[in-house]
Protein backbone atom coordinates (compact mmCIF):
# COMPACT_ATOMS: atom_id res chain seq x y z
CA UNK A 1 34.64 55.26 178.42
CA UNK A 2 33.83 53.21 181.48
CA UNK A 3 35.54 52.76 184.79
CA UNK A 4 35.14 49.77 187.07
CA UNK A 5 34.99 50.95 190.64
CA UNK A 6 36.48 49.10 193.63
CA UNK A 7 34.18 46.31 194.79
CA UNK A 8 33.09 46.76 198.39
CA UNK A 9 32.29 43.04 198.67
CA UNK A 10 31.93 39.80 196.74
CA UNK A 11 28.18 40.54 196.46
CA UNK A 12 28.37 44.01 194.88
CA UNK A 13 30.17 45.18 191.73
CA UNK A 14 29.97 48.63 190.20
CA UNK A 15 30.86 50.27 186.91
CA UNK A 16 30.63 53.94 185.95
CA UNK A 17 30.07 54.92 182.31
CA UNK A 18 30.74 58.44 181.10
CA UNK A 19 27.98 59.73 178.84
CA UNK A 20 27.97 62.74 176.54
CA UNK A 21 26.22 64.55 179.34
CA UNK A 22 26.92 63.23 182.81
CA UNK A 23 27.52 59.62 183.76
CA UNK A 24 25.74 56.36 184.53
CA UNK A 25 26.59 54.05 187.40
CA UNK A 26 25.63 50.40 186.98
CA UNK A 27 25.69 48.18 190.06
CA UNK A 28 25.17 44.41 189.94
CA UNK A 29 24.26 42.63 193.20
CA UNK A 30 23.61 39.21 194.66
CA UNK A 31 22.01 39.50 198.12
CA UNK A 32 22.28 36.78 200.74
CA UNK A 33 19.40 34.35 200.87
CA UNK A 34 17.28 33.86 203.98
CA UNK A 35 19.62 30.96 204.86
CA UNK A 36 22.04 33.67 206.02
CA UNK A 37 21.54 35.59 209.24
CA UNK A 38 20.35 39.19 209.44
CA UNK A 39 23.90 40.38 210.11
CA UNK A 40 24.97 39.19 206.64
CA UNK A 41 21.99 40.99 205.08
CA UNK A 42 22.84 44.20 206.97
CA UNK A 43 26.43 43.99 205.70
CA UNK A 44 25.15 43.56 202.14
CA UNK A 45 23.05 46.74 202.36
CA UNK A 46 25.95 48.64 203.93
CA UNK A 47 28.20 47.53 201.06
CA UNK A 48 25.56 48.51 198.53
CA UNK A 49 25.11 51.90 200.21
CA UNK A 50 28.88 52.45 200.02
CA UNK A 51 28.92 51.50 196.32
CA UNK A 52 26.36 54.13 195.33
CA UNK A 53 28.08 57.29 194.16
CA UNK A 54 25.98 60.15 195.42
CA UNK A 55 27.39 62.54 192.81
CA UNK A 56 26.27 60.28 189.93
CA UNK A 57 22.85 61.46 188.75
CA UNK A 58 21.92 58.19 187.00
CA UNK A 59 22.20 54.89 188.81
CA UNK A 60 20.90 51.44 187.88
CA UNK A 61 21.11 48.67 190.46
CA UNK A 62 20.19 45.22 189.26
CA UNK A 63 20.56 41.68 190.40
CA UNK A 64 19.12 39.12 192.75
CA UNK A 65 17.96 40.72 195.99
CA UNK A 66 16.50 37.46 197.33
CA UNK A 67 13.49 39.39 198.56
CA UNK A 68 9.75 39.43 198.00
CA UNK A 69 8.28 42.91 197.88
CA UNK A 70 4.83 41.41 197.48
CA UNK A 71 1.66 43.16 196.47
CA UNK A 72 1.46 46.81 197.47
CA UNK A 73 -1.17 47.45 200.15
CA UNK A 74 -4.13 49.55 198.97
CA UNK A 75 -3.43 52.18 201.61
CA UNK A 76 0.36 52.10 201.13
CA UNK A 77 1.66 55.42 199.88
CA UNK A 78 5.11 54.44 198.66
CA UNK A 79 6.02 55.98 195.32
CA UNK A 80 9.13 53.80 194.94
CA UNK A 81 7.23 50.57 194.31
CA UNK A 82 4.53 49.99 191.73
CA UNK A 83 1.18 48.18 191.82
CA UNK A 84 2.35 44.87 190.30
CA UNK A 85 4.09 42.95 193.05
CA UNK A 86 3.52 39.22 193.43
CA UNK A 87 2.83 37.20 196.56
CA UNK A 88 3.37 38.29 200.12
CA UNK A 89 6.10 40.65 201.27
CA UNK A 90 8.76 39.06 203.43
CA UNK A 91 11.19 40.62 205.92
CA UNK A 92 13.93 40.96 203.29
CA UNK A 93 11.40 42.61 200.99
CA UNK A 94 10.62 45.13 203.70
CA UNK A 95 14.35 45.82 204.05
CA UNK A 96 14.65 46.32 200.29
CA UNK A 97 11.74 48.76 200.25
CA UNK A 98 13.26 50.70 203.16
CA UNK A 99 16.58 50.86 201.28
CA UNK A 100 14.87 52.06 198.09
CA UNK A 101 12.92 54.71 199.95
CA UNK A 102 16.02 56.01 201.75
CA UNK A 103 17.97 56.18 198.48
CA UNK A 104 15.13 57.36 196.22
CA UNK A 105 15.26 54.21 194.06
CA UNK A 106 12.35 52.81 192.05
CA UNK A 107 11.73 49.05 192.01
CA UNK A 108 11.07 49.21 188.28
CA UNK A 109 9.75 45.70 187.66
CA UNK A 110 6.91 46.39 190.11
CA UNK A 111 5.56 49.00 187.67
CA UNK A 112 4.90 46.46 184.89
CA UNK A 113 2.25 43.76 184.80
CA UNK A 114 4.44 40.75 184.06
CA UNK A 115 2.72 38.16 186.26
CA UNK A 116 2.38 35.72 183.37
CA UNK A 117 6.15 35.47 183.08
CA UNK A 118 8.39 33.10 185.02
CA UNK A 119 10.32 35.77 186.90
CA UNK A 120 11.47 33.61 189.77
CA UNK A 121 13.96 30.80 189.82
CA UNK A 122 14.10 27.30 191.19
CA UNK A 123 11.07 26.58 193.36
CA UNK A 124 10.49 30.26 194.07
CA UNK A 125 8.22 31.15 191.15
CA UNK A 126 6.27 33.66 193.25
CA UNK A 127 9.43 35.51 194.30
CA UNK A 128 10.38 38.78 192.71
CA UNK A 129 14.12 38.48 192.89
CA UNK A 130 15.47 40.08 189.74
CA UNK A 131 14.92 43.71 190.53
CA UNK A 132 16.17 46.75 188.70
CA UNK A 133 16.40 49.84 190.82
CA UNK A 134 16.68 53.20 189.12
CA UNK A 135 17.44 56.45 190.85
CA UNK A 136 15.02 59.32 190.54
């Protein structure tokens, strides 16, 4: 049985699925692009924060975050991102990493070496935009 939860915005939708043991929350997102001001990006992350059910042990957040997390620095000790980023981190990527760290979410596609795949869209082939976040 699944239950669609109230949408906090037109950029975030959430569904909760009851499992034999526990439950799974699935959140689909579409973050504002860099064409939008920082205020719009802040609102998106507030809406996403509000959508996460803290009592749900298993959460998957997926979608287009319009962010580049880039290659992890050699001296960076962040367990929430893996060693396989692409390109250079941008400001929205930094915001995404901060959000993941605060909410104990793994940027799962950064743990797999998929650089030979076309993971971007449009003219942004270096961008990691389709990101699945999984709670620890």
